[in-house]
Amino acid sequence: MKHPSASVRRINYLIGHLKLRSYLEVGVARGDTFLEINTDKKYAVDPKFKFEFEKYKDQKQSFFEMPSDDFFSDHCFNLNEKFDLIFLDGLHTFEQTLRDFCSSLRFSHDETIWLLDDTVPT
């Protein structure tokens, strides 16, 4: 039996403890973190998912296979969602992480929590 990663445990702790309901993850890759998150509504963004995401689509999980810049500029407006927790785990560059953070501000509320994975300054 596979045990959840430290990231999954921490994120699920925050969701449970703070009663968070909506989650956005940018940079999902194989879905190792995303698929283990327990919340009411989850959104995944990745330019090329590395798993069969179609079989996980349901009312609780939405998948957007596109660059995050496209998601934030074109598709996110149709969601009418203010995210409680945003996990930025994309390209791991300072520039892209900053751009994702700034773009996600429009879809946040006063109590939104951001988590940033490792970034590499240039």
PDB file of N, CA and C in Angstrom:
ATOM      1  N   MET A   1       0.841  -1.187   0.000  1.00  0.00           N
ATOM      2  CA  MET A   1       0.000   0.000   0.000  1.00  0.00           C
ATOM      3  C   MET A   1       0.880   1.243   0.000  1.00  0.00           C
ATOM      4  N   LYS A   2       0.576   2.159  -0.897  1.00  0.00           N
ATOM      5  CA  LYS A   2       1.351   3.383  -1.035  1.00  0.00           C
ATOM      6  C   LYS A   2       0.919   4.400   0.023  1.00  0.00           C
ATOM      7  N   HIS A   3       1.898   4.983   0.703  1.00  0.00           N
ATOM      8  CA  HIS A   3       1.611   6.006   1.704  1.00  0.00           C
ATOM      9  C   HIS A   3       1.642   7.381   1.045  1.00  0.00           C
ATOM     10  N   PRO A   4       0.761   8.288   1.469  1.00  0.00           N
ATOM     11  CA  PRO A   4       0.761   9.636   0.880  1.00  0.00           C
ATOM     12  C   PRO A   4       2.082  10.350   1.145  1.00  0.00           C
ATOM     13  N   SER A   5       2.480  11.166   0.192  1.00  0.00           N
ATOM     14  CA  SER A   5       3.711  11.942   0.337  1.00  0.00           C
ATOM     15  C   SER A   5       3.540  13.004   1.418  1.00  0.00           C
ATOM     16  N   ALA A   6       4.659  13.583   1.816  1.00  0.00           N
ATOM     17  CA  ALA A   6       4.613  14.664   2.807  1.00  0.00           C
ATOM     18  C   ALA A   6       3.787  15.835   2.285  1.00  0.00           C
ATOM     19  N   SER A   7       3.901  16.133   0.997  1.00  0.00           N
ATOM     20  CA  SER A   7       3.108  17.233   0.419  1.00  0.00           C
ATOM     21  C   SER A   7       1.619  16.953   0.536  1.00  0.00           C
ATOM     22  N   VAL A   8       1.220  15.748   0.195  1.00  0.00           N
ATOM     23  CA  VAL A   8      -0.197  15.380   0.279  1.00  0.00           C
ATOM     24  C   VAL A   8      -0.681  15.475   1.721  1.00  0.00           C
ATOM     25  N   ARG A   9       0.092  14.957   2.646  1.00  0.00           N
ATOM     26  CA  ARG A   9      -0.308  15.008   4.061  1.00  0.00           C
ATOM     27  C   ARG A   9      -0.456  16.453   4.534  1.00  0.00           C
ATOM     28  N   ARG A  10       0.486  17.302   4.171  1.00  0.00           N
ATOM     29  CA  ARG A  10       0.420  18.712   4.596  1.00  0.00           C
ATOM     30  C   ARG A  10      -0.783  19.422   3.982  1.00  0.00           C
ATOM     31  N   ILE A  11      -0.984  19.228   2.693  1.00  0.00           N
ATOM     32  CA  ILE A  11      -2.102  19.899   2.019  1.00  0.00           C
ATOM     33  C   ILE A  11      -3.431  19.408   2.585  1.00  0.00           C
ATOM     34  N   ASN A  12      -3.576  18.107   2.746  1.00  0.00           N
ATOM     35  CA  ASN A  12      -4.827  17.586   3.303  1.00  0.00           C
ATOM     36  C   ASN A  12      -5.031  18.035   4.747  1.00  0.00           C
ATOM     37  N   TYR A  13      -3.945  18.203   5.495  1.00  0.00           N
ATOM     38  CA  TYR A  13      -4.065  18.729   6.851  1.00  0.00           C
ATOM     39  C   TYR A  13      -4.632  20.151   6.810  1.00  0.00           C
ATOM     40  N   LEU A  14      -4.072  20.997   5.946  1.00  0.00           N
ATOM     41  CA  LEU A  14      -4.570  22.370   5.828  1.00  0.00           C
ATOM     42  C   LEU A  14      -6.039  22.384   5.421  1.00  0.00           C
ATOM     43  N   ILE A  15      -6.382  21.562   4.441  1.00  0.00           N
ATOM     44  CA  ILE A  15      -7.767  21.508   3.963  1.00  0.00           C
ATOM     45  C   ILE A  15      -8.712  21.091   5.087  1.00  0.00           C
ATOM     46  N   GLY A  16      -8.345  20.061   5.819  1.00  0.00           N
ATOM     47  CA  GLY A  16      -9.204  19.584   6.900  1.00  0.00           C
ATOM     48  C   GLY A  16      -9.270  20.544   8.071  1.00  0.00           C
ATOM     49  N   HIS A  17      -8.130  21.038   8.488  1.00  0.00           N
ATOM     50  CA  HIS A  17      -8.056  21.913   9.663  1.00  0.00           C
ATOM     51  C   HIS A  17      -8.740  23.260   9.417  1.00  0.00           C
ATOM     52  N   LEU A  18      -8.568  23.796   8.209  1.00  0.00           N
ATOM     53  CA  LEU A  18      -9.120  25.117   7.890  1.00  0.00           C
ATOM     54  C   LEU A  18     -10.444  25.041   7.128  1.00  0.00           C
ATOM     55  N   LYS A  19     -10.907  23.823   6.870  1.00  0.00           N
ATOM     56  CA  LYS A  19     -12.174  23.592   6.167  1.00  0.00           C
ATOM     57  C   LYS A  19     -12.195  24.265   4.784  1.00  0.00           C
ATOM     58  N   LEU A  20     -11.126  24.039   4.034  1.00  0.00           N
ATOM     59  CA  LEU A  20     -11.012  24.600   2.692  1.00  0.00           C
ATOM     60  C   LEU A  20     -11.818  23.744   1.720  1.00  0.00           C
ATOM     61  N   ARG A  21     -12.420  24.388   0.733  1.00  0.00           N
ATOM     62  CA  ARG A  21     -13.320  23.660  -0.162  1.00  0.00           C
ATOM     63  C   ARG A  21     -12.856  23.596  -1.610  1.00  0.00           C
ATOM     64  N   SER A  22     -12.028  24.554  -2.061  1.00  0.00           N
ATOM     65  CA  SER A  22     -11.615  24.547  -3.469  1.00  0.00           C
ATOM     66  C   SER A  22     -10.093  24.603  -3.569  1.00  0.00           C
ATOM     67  N   TYR A  23      -9.565  23.845  -4.524  1.00  0.00           N
ATOM     68  CA  TYR A  23      -8.124  23.637  -4.658  1.00  0.00           C
ATOM     69  C   TYR A  23      -7.738  23.735  -6.125  1.00  0.00           C
ATOM     70  N   LEU A  24      -6.691  24.490  -6.402  1.00  0.00           N
ATOM     71  CA  LEU A  24      -6.120  24.588  -7.743  1.00  0.00           C
ATOM     72  C   LEU A  24      -4.672  24.141  -7.669  1.00  0.00           C
ATOM     73  N   GLU A  25      -4.301  23.224  -8.563  1.00  0.00           N
ATOM     74  CA  GLU A  25      -2.903  22.799  -8.651  1.00  0.00           C
ATOM     75  C   GLU A  25      -2.402  23.069 -10.060  1.00  0.00           C
ATOM     76  N   VAL A  26      -1.332  23.835 -10.155  1.00  0.00           N
ATOM     77  CA  VAL A  26      -0.682  24.141 -11.429  1.00  0.00           C
ATOM     78  C   VAL A  26       0.612  23.339 -11.473  1.00  0.00           C
ATOM     79  N   GLY A  27       0.726  22.470 -12.482  1.00  0.00           N
ATOM     80  CA  GLY A  27       1.890  21.593 -12.590  1.00  0.00           C
ATOM     81  C   GLY A  27       1.602  20.251 -11.953  1.00  0.00           C
ATOM     82  N   VAL A  28       0.741  19.488 -12.561  1.00  0.00           N
ATOM     83  CA  VAL A  28       0.226  18.255 -11.966  1.00  0.00           C
ATOM     84  C   VAL A  28       1.041  17.021 -12.365  1.00  0.00           C
ATOM     85  N   ALA A  29       1.605  17.026 -13.564  1.00  0.00           N
ATOM     86  CA  ALA A  29       2.418  15.915 -14.088  1.00  0.00           C
ATOM     87  C   ALA A  29       1.673  14.584 -13.994  1.00  0.00           C
ATOM     88  N   ARG A  30       2.138  13.668 -13.141  1.00  0.00           N
ATOM     89  CA  ARG A  30       1.538  12.327 -13.021  1.00  0.00           C
ATOM     90  C   ARG A  30       0.321  12.307 -12.095  1.00  0.00           C
ATOM     91  N   GLY A  31       0.031  13.405 -11.437  1.00  0.00           N
ATOM     92  CA  GLY A  31      -1.126  13.460 -10.548  1.00  0.00           C
ATOM     93  C   GLY A  31      -0.869  12.906  -9.163  1.00  0.00           C
ATOM     94  N   ASP A  32       0.398  12.661  -8.824  1.00  0.00           N
ATOM     95  CA  ASP A  32       0.718  12.044  -7.531  1.00  0.00           C
ATOM     96  C   ASP A  32       0.156  12.831  -6.352  1.00  0.00           C
ATOM     97  N   THR A  33       0.236  14.138  -6.412  1.00  0.00           N
ATOM     98  CA  THR A  33      -0.324  14.966  -5.338  1.00  0.00           C
ATOM     99  C   THR A  33      -1.809  15.203  -5.579  1.00  0.00           C
ATOM    100  N   PHE A  34      -2.144  15.694  -6.756  1.00  0.00           N
ATOM    101  CA  PHE A  34      -3.515  16.113  -7.058  1.00  0.00           C
ATOM    102  C   PHE A  34      -4.552  15.034  -6.752  1.00  0.00           C
ATOM    103  N   LEU A  35      -4.301  13.829  -7.190  1.00  0.00           N
ATOM    104  CA  LEU A  35      -5.301  12.766  -7.053  1.00  0.00           C
ATOM    105  C   LEU A  35      -5.530  12.348  -5.606  1.00  0.00           C
ATOM    106  N   GLU A  36      -4.617  12.700  -4.711  1.00  0.00           N
ATOM    107  CA  GLU A  36      -4.743  12.327  -3.297  1.00  0.00           C
ATOM    108  C   GLU A  36      -5.307  13.445  -2.422  1.00  0.00           C
ATOM    109  N   ILE A  37      -5.617  14.584  -3.013  1.00  0.00           N
ATOM    110  CA  ILE A  37      -6.132  15.717  -2.240  1.00  0.00           C
ATOM    111  C   ILE A  37      -7.623  15.525  -1.990  1.00  0.00           C
ATOM    112  N   ASN A  38      -8.029  15.761  -0.746  1.00  0.00           N
ATOM    113  CA  ASN A  38      -9.421  15.550  -0.328  1.00  0.00           C
ATOM    114  C   ASN A  38     -10.107  16.889  -0.077  1.00  0.00           C
ATOM    115  N   THR A  39     -10.809  17.367  -1.080  1.00  0.00           N
ATOM    116  CA  THR A  39     -11.579  18.598  -0.934  1.00  0.00           C
ATOM    117  C   THR A  39     -12.798  18.537  -1.840  1.00  0.00           C
ATOM    118  N   ASP A  40     -13.704  19.490  -1.671  1.00  0.00           N
ATOM    119  CA  ASP A  40     -14.963  19.469  -2.415  1.00  0.00           C
ATOM    120  C   ASP A  40     -14.785  19.640  -3.914  1.00  0.00           C
ATOM    121  N   LYS A  41     -13.867  20.521  -4.316  1.00  0.00           N
ATOM    122  CA  LYS A  41     -13.690  20.831  -5.738  1.00  0.00           C
ATOM    123  C   LYS A  41     -12.213  21.033  -6.017  1.00  0.00           C
ATOM    124  N   LYS A  42     -11.703  20.340  -7.061  1.00  0.00           N
ATOM    125  CA  LYS A  42     -10.288  20.419  -7.410  1.00  0.00           C
ATOM    126  C   LYS A  42     -10.142  20.734  -8.894  1.00  0.00           C
ATOM    127  N   TYR A  43      -9.123  21.545  -9.198  1.00  0.00           N
ATOM    128  CA  TYR A  43      -8.822  21.917 -10.576  1.00  0.00           C
ATOM    129  C   TYR A  43      -7.348  21.630 -10.833  1.00  0.00           C
ATOM    130  N   ALA A  44      -7.062  20.950 -11.940  1.00  0.00           N
ATOM    131  CA  ALA A  44      -5.695  20.590 -12.313  1.00  0.00           C
ATOM    132  C   ALA A  44      -5.331  21.271 -13.623  1.00  0.00           C
ATOM    133  N   VAL A  45      -4.133  21.856 -13.663  1.00  0.00           N
ATOM    134  CA  VAL A  45      -3.641  22.512 -14.879  1.00  0.00           C
ATOM    135  C   VAL A  45      -2.245  21.980 -15.172  1.00  0.00           C
ATOM    136  N   ASP A  46      -2.052  21.505 -16.396  1.00  0.00           N
ATOM    137  CA  ASP A  46      -0.737  21.025 -16.818  1.00  0.00           C
ATOM    138  C   ASP A  46      -0.704  21.035 -18.345  1.00  0.00           C
ATOM    139  N   PRO A  47       0.421  21.439 -18.944  1.00  0.00           N
ATOM    140  CA  PRO A  47       0.480  21.445 -20.411  1.00  0.00           C
ATOM    141  C   PRO A  47       0.342  20.051 -21.020  1.00  0.00           C
ATOM    142  N   LYS A  48       0.800  19.029 -20.295  1.00  0.00           N
ATOM    143  CA  LYS A  48       0.705  17.652 -20.798  1.00  0.00           C
ATOM    144  C   LYS A  48       0.665  16.701 -19.606  1.00  0.00           C
ATOM    145  N   PHE A  49      -0.546  16.285 -19.234  1.00  0.00           N
ATOM    146  CA  PHE A  49      -0.672  15.342 -18.126  1.00  0.00           C
ATOM    147  C   PHE A  49       0.049  14.048 -18.470  1.00  0.00           C
ATOM    148  N   LYS A  50       0.654  13.440 -17.476  1.00  0.00           N
ATOM    149  CA  LYS A  50       1.387  12.189 -17.668  1.00  0.00           C
ATOM    150  C   LYS A  50       0.615  11.011 -17.068  1.00  0.00           C
ATOM    151  N   PHE A  51      -0.707  11.082 -17.164  1.00  0.00           N
ATOM    152  CA  PHE A  51      -1.590   9.998 -16.737  1.00  0.00           C
ATOM    153  C   PHE A  51      -2.905  10.171 -17.489  1.00  0.00           C
ATOM    154  N   GLU A  52      -3.737   9.176 -17.444  1.00  0.00           N
ATOM    155  CA  GLU A  52      -5.020   9.216 -18.152  1.00  0.00           C
ATOM    156  C   GLU A  52      -6.042   9.995 -17.325  1.00  0.00           C
ATOM    157  N   PHE A  53      -5.951  11.310 -17.420  1.00  0.00           N
ATOM    158  CA  PHE A  53      -6.783  12.166 -16.573  1.00  0.00           C
ATOM    159  C   PHE A  53      -8.272  12.056 -16.891  1.00  0.00           C
ATOM    160  N   GLU A  54      -8.614  11.658 -18.107  1.00  0.00           N
ATOM    161  CA  GLU A  54     -10.026  11.579 -18.488  1.00  0.00           C
ATOM    162  C   GLU A  54     -10.823  10.653 -17.570  1.00  0.00           C
ATOM    163  N   LYS A  55     -10.186   9.595 -17.094  1.00  0.00           N
ATOM    164  CA  LYS A  55     -10.927   8.642 -16.261  1.00  0.00           C
ATOM    165  C   LYS A  55     -11.185   9.170 -14.848  1.00  0.00           C
ATOM    166  N   TYR A  56     -10.578  10.299 -14.499  1.00  0.00           N
ATOM    167  CA  TYR A  56     -10.789  10.890 -13.177  1.00  0.00           C
ATOM    168  C   TYR A  56     -11.756  12.072 -13.202  1.00  0.00           C
ATOM    169  N   LYS A  57     -12.170  12.486 -14.388  1.00  0.00           N
ATOM    170  CA  LYS A  57     -13.078  13.633 -14.483  1.00  0.00           C
ATOM    171  C   LYS A  57     -14.412  13.305 -13.823  1.00  0.00           C
ATOM    172  N   ASP A  58     -14.860  14.203 -12.978  1.00  0.00           N
ATOM    173  CA  ASP A  58     -16.184  14.101 -12.376  1.00  0.00           C
ATOM    174  C   ASP A  58     -16.570  15.481 -11.855  1.00  0.00           C
ATOM    175  N   GLN A  59     -17.623  15.570 -11.079  1.00  0.00           N
ATOM    176  CA  GLN A  59     -18.084  16.874 -10.599  1.00  0.00           C
ATOM    177  C   GLN A  59     -17.118  17.503  -9.604  1.00  0.00           C
ATOM    178  N   LYS A  60     -16.262  16.700  -8.989  1.00  0.00           N
ATOM    179  CA  LYS A  60     -15.311  17.223  -8.006  1.00  0.00           C
ATOM    180  C   LYS A  60     -13.963  17.579  -8.611  1.00  0.00           C
ATOM    181  N   GLN A  61     -13.637  17.022  -9.779  1.00  0.00           N
ATOM    182  CA  GLN A  61     -12.303  17.190 -10.356  1.00  0.00           C
ATOM    183  C   GLN A  61     -12.402  17.669 -11.797  1.00  0.00           C
ATOM    184  N   SER A  62     -11.694  18.756 -12.094  1.00  0.00           N
ATOM    185  CA  SER A  62     -11.646  19.289 -13.454  1.00  0.00           C
ATOM    186  C   SER A  62     -10.194  19.347 -13.898  1.00  0.00           C
ATOM    187  N   PHE A  63      -9.966  19.050 -15.176  1.00  0.00           N
ATOM    188  CA  PHE A  63      -8.615  18.985 -15.722  1.00  0.00           C
ATOM    189  C   PHE A  63      -8.505  19.909 -16.928  1.00  0.00           C
ATOM    190  N   PHE A  64      -7.428  20.683 -16.963  1.00  0.00           N
ATOM    191  CA  PHE A  64      -7.180  21.617 -18.050  1.00  0.00           C
ATOM    192  C   PHE A  64      -5.785  21.340 -18.590  1.00  0.00           C
ATOM    193  N   GLU A  65      -5.736  20.674 -19.748  1.00  0.00           N
ATOM    194  CA  GLU A  65      -4.447  20.331 -20.346  1.00  0.00           C
ATOM    195  C   GLU A  65      -4.016  21.478 -21.252  1.00  0.00           C
ATOM    196  N   MET A  66      -3.280  22.399 -20.652  1.00  0.00           N
ATOM    197  CA  MET A  66      -2.826  23.603 -21.348  1.00  0.00           C
ATOM    198  C   MET A  66      -1.802  24.304 -20.464  1.00  0.00           C
ATOM    199  N   PRO A  67      -0.994  25.179 -21.054  1.00  0.00           N
ATOM    200  CA  PRO A  67      -0.078  25.970 -20.220  1.00  0.00           C
ATOM    201  C   PRO A  67      -0.861  26.842 -19.237  1.00  0.00           C
ATOM    202  N   SER A  68      -0.276  27.083 -18.098  1.00  0.00           N
ATOM    203  CA  SER A  68      -0.968  27.874 -17.078  1.00  0.00           C
ATOM    204  C   SER A  68      -1.288  29.283 -17.565  1.00  0.00           C
ATOM    205  N   ASP A  69      -0.428  29.864 -18.400  1.00  0.00           N
ATOM    206  CA  ASP A  69      -0.725  31.201 -18.937  1.00  0.00           C
ATOM    207  C   ASP A  69      -2.038  31.188 -19.711  1.00  0.00           C
ATOM    208  N   ASP A  70      -2.270  30.146 -20.494  1.00  0.00           N
ATOM    209  CA  ASP A  70      -3.530  30.028 -21.242  1.00  0.00           C
ATOM    210  C   ASP A  70      -4.709  29.825 -20.296  1.00  0.00           C
ATOM    211  N   PHE A  71      -4.518  28.998 -19.297  1.00  0.00           N
ATOM    212  CA  PHE A  71      -5.589  28.758 -18.330  1.00  0.00           C
ATOM    213  C   PHE A  71      -6.014  30.059 -17.661  1.00  0.00           C
ATOM    214  N   PHE A  72      -5.049  30.806 -17.151  1.00  0.00           N
ATOM    215  CA  PHE A  72      -5.386  32.032 -16.432  1.00  0.00           C
ATOM    216  C   PHE A  72      -5.923  33.120 -17.353  1.00  0.00           C
ATOM    217  N   SER A  73      -5.482  33.158 -18.598  1.00  0.00           N
ATOM    218  CA  SER A  73      -5.937  34.233 -19.481  1.00  0.00           C
ATOM    219  C   SER A  73      -7.249  33.906 -20.188  1.00  0.00           C
ATOM    220  N   ASP A  74      -7.514  32.633 -20.466  1.00  0.00           N
ATOM    221  CA  ASP A  74      -8.689  32.290 -21.272  1.00  0.00           C
ATOM    222  C   ASP A  74      -9.751  31.470 -20.545  1.00  0.00           C
ATOM    223  N   HIS A  75      -9.356  30.476 -19.789  1.00  0.00           N
ATOM    224  CA  HIS A  75     -10.309  29.494 -19.284  1.00  0.00           C
ATOM    225  C   HIS A  75     -10.773  29.733 -17.856  1.00  0.00           C
ATOM    226  N   CYS A  76      -9.952  30.326 -17.069  1.00  0.00           N
ATOM    227  CA  CYS A  76     -10.279  30.488 -15.656  1.00  0.00           C
ATOM    228  C   CYS A  76     -11.468  31.431 -15.454  1.00  0.00           C
ATOM    229  N   PHE A  77     -11.679  32.353 -16.367  1.00  0.00           N
ATOM    230  CA  PHE A  77     -12.786  33.298 -16.214  1.00  0.00           C
ATOM    231  C   PHE A  77     -14.140  32.602 -16.244  1.00  0.00           C
ATOM    232  N   ASN A  78     -14.233  31.501 -16.948  1.00  0.00           N
ATOM    233  CA  ASN A  78     -15.496  30.774 -17.055  1.00  0.00           C
ATOM    234  C   ASN A  78     -15.825  29.966 -15.804  1.00  0.00           C
ATOM    235  N   LEU A  79     -14.871  29.811 -14.907  1.00  0.00           N
ATOM    236  CA  LEU A  79     -15.089  28.971 -13.731  1.00  0.00           C
ATOM    237  C   LEU A  79     -15.891  29.659 -12.640  1.00  0.00           C
ATOM    238  N   ASN A  80     -15.798  30.969 -12.570  1.00  0.00           N
ATOM    239  CA  ASN A  80     -16.476  31.713 -11.507  1.00  0.00           C
ATOM    240  C   ASN A  80     -16.098  31.147 -10.138  1.00  0.00           C
ATOM    241  N   GLU A  81     -14.815  30.914  -9.950  1.00  0.00           N
ATOM    242  CA  GLU A  81     -14.317  30.279  -8.732  1.00  0.00           C
ATOM    243  C   GLU A  81     -13.275  31.164  -8.067  1.00  0.00           C
ATOM    244  N   LYS A  82     -13.352  31.257  -6.762  1.00  0.00           N
ATOM    245  CA  LYS A  82     -12.307  31.861  -5.941  1.00  0.00           C
ATOM    246  C   LYS A  82     -11.713  30.712  -5.141  1.00  0.00           C
ATOM    247  N   PHE A  83     -10.455  30.425  -5.359  1.00  0.00           N
ATOM    248  CA  PHE A  83      -9.835  29.242  -4.772  1.00  0.00           C
ATOM    249  C   PHE A  83      -9.425  29.481  -3.324  1.00  0.00           C
ATOM    250  N   ASP A  84      -9.628  28.453  -2.502  1.00  0.00           N
ATOM    251  CA  ASP A  84      -9.200  28.500  -1.101  1.00  0.00           C
ATOM    252  C   ASP A  84      -7.716  28.179  -0.969  1.00  0.00           C
ATOM    253  N   LEU A  85      -7.231  27.264  -1.805  1.00  0.00           N
ATOM    254  CA  LEU A  85      -5.837  26.834  -1.745  1.00  0.00           C
ATOM    255  C   LEU A  85      -5.312  26.695  -3.167  1.00  0.00           C
ATOM    256  N   ILE A  86      -4.169  27.317  -3.427  1.00  0.00           N
ATOM    257  CA  ILE A  86      -3.540  27.266  -4.747  1.00  0.00           C
ATOM    258  C   ILE A  86      -2.125  26.733  -4.571  1.00  0.00           C
ATOM    259  N   PHE A  87      -1.832  25.628  -5.250  1.00  0.00           N
ATOM    260  CA  PHE A  87      -0.515  25.001  -5.189  1.00  0.00           C
ATOM    261  C   PHE A  87       0.171  25.213  -6.534  1.00  0.00           C
ATOM    262  N   LEU A  88       1.236  26.009  -6.547  1.00  0.00           N
ATOM    263  CA  LEU A  88       1.983  26.302  -7.767  1.00  0.00           C
ATOM    264  C   LEU A  88       3.213  25.402  -7.805  1.00  0.00           C
ATOM    265  N   ASP A  89       3.171  24.438  -8.710  1.00  0.00           N
ATOM    266  CA  ASP A  89       4.213  23.414  -8.817  1.00  0.00           C
ATOM    267  C   ASP A  89       4.562  23.205 -10.288  1.00  0.00           C
ATOM    268  N   GLY A  90       4.614  24.304 -11.039  1.00  0.00           N
ATOM    269  CA  GLY A  90       4.762  24.222 -12.488  1.00  0.00           C
ATOM    270  C   GLY A  90       6.181  24.064 -12.982  1.00  0.00           C
ATOM    271  N   LEU A  91       6.659  25.040 -13.709  1.00  0.00           N
ATOM    272  CA  LEU A  91       7.954  24.936 -14.386  1.00  0.00           C
ATOM    273  C   LEU A  91       9.152  25.094 -13.460  1.00  0.00           C
ATOM    274  N   HIS A  92       8.927  25.483 -12.232  1.00  0.00           N
ATOM    275  CA  HIS A  92       9.988  25.617 -11.226  1.00  0.00           C
ATOM    276  C   HIS A  92      10.991  26.724 -11.562  1.00  0.00           C
ATOM    277  N   THR A  93      10.568  27.686 -12.355  1.00  0.00           N
ATOM    278  CA  THR A  93      11.408  28.859 -12.583  1.00  0.00           C
ATOM    279  C   THR A  93      10.788  30.032 -11.841  1.00  0.00           C
ATOM    280  N   PHE A  94      11.634  30.941 -11.420  1.00  0.00           N
ATOM    281  CA  PHE A  94      11.143  32.112 -10.706  1.00  0.00           C
ATOM    282  C   PHE A  94      10.144  32.890 -11.562  1.00  0.00           C
ATOM    283  N   GLU A  95      10.491  33.112 -12.829  1.00  0.00           N
ATOM    284  CA  GLU A  95       9.657  33.930 -13.707  1.00  0.00           C
ATOM    285  C   GLU A  95       8.261  33.336 -13.884  1.00  0.00           C
ATOM    286  N   GLN A  96       8.183  32.034 -14.165  1.00  0.00           N
ATOM    287  CA  GLN A  96       6.874  31.415 -14.386  1.00  0.00           C
ATOM    288  C   GLN A  96       6.077  31.329 -13.088  1.00  0.00           C
ATOM    289  N   THR A  97       6.743  31.024 -11.993  1.00  0.00           N
ATOM    290  CA  THR A  97       6.045  30.947 -10.711  1.00  0.00           C
ATOM    291  C   THR A  97       5.485  32.313 -10.331  1.00  0.00           C
ATOM    292  N   LEU A  98       6.263  33.354 -10.541  1.00  0.00           N
ATOM    293  CA  LEU A  98       5.780  34.709 -10.262  1.00  0.00           C
ATOM    294  C   LEU A  98       4.592  35.045 -11.160  1.00  0.00           C
ATOM    295  N   ARG A  99       4.685  34.690 -12.438  1.00  0.00           N
ATOM    296  CA  ARG A  99       3.579  34.960 -13.368  1.00  0.00           C
ATOM    297  C   ARG A  99       2.321  34.195 -12.942  1.00  0.00           C
ATOM    298  N   ASP A 100       2.473  32.929 -12.564  1.00  0.00           N
ATOM    299  CA  ASP A 100       1.319  32.145 -12.101  1.00  0.00           C
ATOM    300  C   ASP A 100       0.727  32.746 -10.827  1.00  0.00           C
ATOM    301  N   PHE A 101       1.593  33.158  -9.920  1.00  0.00           N
ATOM    302  CA  PHE A 101       1.107  33.767  -8.681  1.00  0.00           C
ATOM    303  C   PHE A 101       0.312  35.039  -8.986  1.00  0.00           C
ATOM    304  N   CYS A 102       0.889  35.921  -9.784  1.00  0.00           N
ATOM    305  CA  CYS A 102       0.201  37.176 -10.116  1.00  0.00           C
ATOM    306  C   CYS A 102      -1.111  36.913 -10.852  1.00  0.00           C
ATOM    307  N   SER A 103      -1.106  35.965 -11.769  1.00  0.00           N
ATOM    308  CA  SER A 103      -2.329  35.638 -12.515  1.00  0.00           C
ATOM    309  C   SER A 103      -3.397  35.052 -11.605  1.00  0.00           C
ATOM    310  N   SER A 104      -2.980  34.295 -10.609  1.00  0.00           N
ATOM    311  CA  SER A 104      -3.952  33.642  -9.725  1.00  0.00           C
ATOM    312  C   SER A 104      -4.578  34.605  -8.717  1.00  0.00           C
ATOM    313  N   LEU A 105      -4.004  35.772  -8.545  1.00  0.00           N
ATOM    314  CA  LEU A 105      -4.558  36.737  -7.588  1.00  0.00           C
ATOM    315  C   LEU A 105      -6.009  37.084  -7.896  1.00  0.00           C
ATOM    316  N   ARG A 106      -6.358  37.136  -9.166  1.00  0.00           N
ATOM    317  CA  ARG A 106      -7.738  37.462  -9.559  1.00  0.00           C
ATOM    318  C   ARG A 106      -8.732  36.391  -9.131  1.00  0.00           C
ATOM    319  N   PHE A 107      -8.231  35.211  -8.825  1.00  0.00           N
ATOM    320  CA  PHE A 107      -9.097  34.080  -8.490  1.00  0.00           C
ATOM    321  C   PHE A 107      -8.921  33.664  -7.039  1.00  0.00           C
ATOM    322  N   SER A 108      -8.549  34.651  -6.232  1.00  0.00           N
ATOM    323  CA  SER A 108      -8.343  34.412  -4.806  1.00  0.00           C
ATOM    324  C   SER A 108      -9.329  35.257  -4.009  1.00  0.00           C
ATOM    325  N   HIS A 109      -9.386  34.981  -2.724  1.00  0.00           N
ATOM    326  CA  HIS A 109     -10.170  35.796  -1.798  1.00  0.00           C
ATOM    327  C   HIS A 109      -9.248  36.166  -0.638  1.00  0.00           C
ATOM    328  N   ASP A 110      -9.760  36.850   0.332  1.00  0.00           N
ATOM    329  CA  ASP A 110      -8.926  37.359   1.429  1.00  0.00           C
ATOM    330  C   ASP A 110      -8.222  36.268   2.223  1.00  0.00           C
ATOM    331  N   GLU A 111      -8.723  35.051   2.181  1.00  0.00           N
ATOM    332  CA  GLU A 111      -8.134  33.978   2.982  1.00  0.00           C
ATOM    333  C   GLU A 111      -7.506  32.868   2.140  1.00  0.00           C
ATOM    334  N   THR A 112      -7.308  33.113   0.856  1.00  0.00           N
ATOM    335  CA  THR A 112      -6.658  32.119  -0.001  1.00  0.00           C
ATOM    336  C   THR A 112      -5.247  31.842   0.503  1.00  0.00           C
ATOM    337  N   ILE A 113      -4.868  30.580   0.445  1.00  0.00           N
ATOM    338  CA  ILE A 113      -3.519  30.149   0.819  1.00  0.00           C
ATOM    339  C   ILE A 113      -2.807  29.698  -0.450  1.00  0.00           C
ATOM    340  N   TRP A 114      -1.572  30.165  -0.638  1.00  0.00           N
ATOM    341  CA  TRP A 114      -0.735  29.713  -1.746  1.00  0.00           C
ATOM    342  C   TRP A 114       0.387  28.851  -1.197  1.00  0.00           C
ATOM    343  N   LEU A 115       0.661  27.771  -1.891  1.00  0.00           N
ATOM    344  CA  LEU A 115       1.838  26.949  -1.617  1.00  0.00           C
ATOM    345  C   LEU A 115       2.668  26.933  -2.891  1.00  0.00           C
ATOM    346  N   LEU A 116       3.964  27.174  -2.753  1.00  0.00           N
ATOM    347  CA  LEU A 116       4.865  27.199  -3.902  1.00  0.00           C
ATOM    348  C   LEU A 116       5.886  26.086  -3.740  1.00  0.00           C
ATOM    349  N   ASP A 117       6.034  25.293  -4.791  1.00  0.00           N
ATOM    350  CA  ASP A 117       7.067  24.268  -4.764  1.00  0.00           C
ATOM    351  C   ASP A 117       8.388  24.919  -5.157  1.00  0.00           C
ATOM    352  N   ASP A 118       9.428  24.155  -5.145  1.00  0.00           N
ATOM    353  CA  ASP A 118      10.762  24.694  -5.402  1.00  0.00           C
ATOM    354  C   ASP A 118      10.831  25.473  -6.714  1.00  0.00           C
ATOM    355  N   THR A 119      11.532  26.593  -6.662  1.00  0.00           N
ATOM    356  CA  THR A 119      11.769  27.400  -7.851  1.00  0.00           C
ATOM    357  C   THR A 119      13.266  27.633  -7.981  1.00  0.00           C
ATOM    358  N   VAL A 120      13.686  27.874  -9.206  1.00  0.00           N
ATOM    359  CA  VAL A 120      15.099  28.111  -9.473  1.00  0.00           C
ATOM    360  C   VAL A 120      15.253  29.544  -9.969  1.00  0.00           C
ATOM    361  N   PRO A 121      15.875  30.415  -9.170  1.00  0.00           N
ATOM    362  CA  PRO A 121      16.088  31.794  -9.646  1.00  0.00           C
ATOM    363  C   PRO A 121      17.019  31.812 -10.855  1.00  0.00           C
ATOM    364  N   THR A 122      16.802  32.807 -11.716  1.00  0.00           N
ATOM    365  CA  THR A 122      17.699  32.969 -12.866  1.00  0.00           C
ATOM    366  C   THR A 122      18.309  34.341 -12.852  1.00  0.00           C
TER     367      THR A 122
END
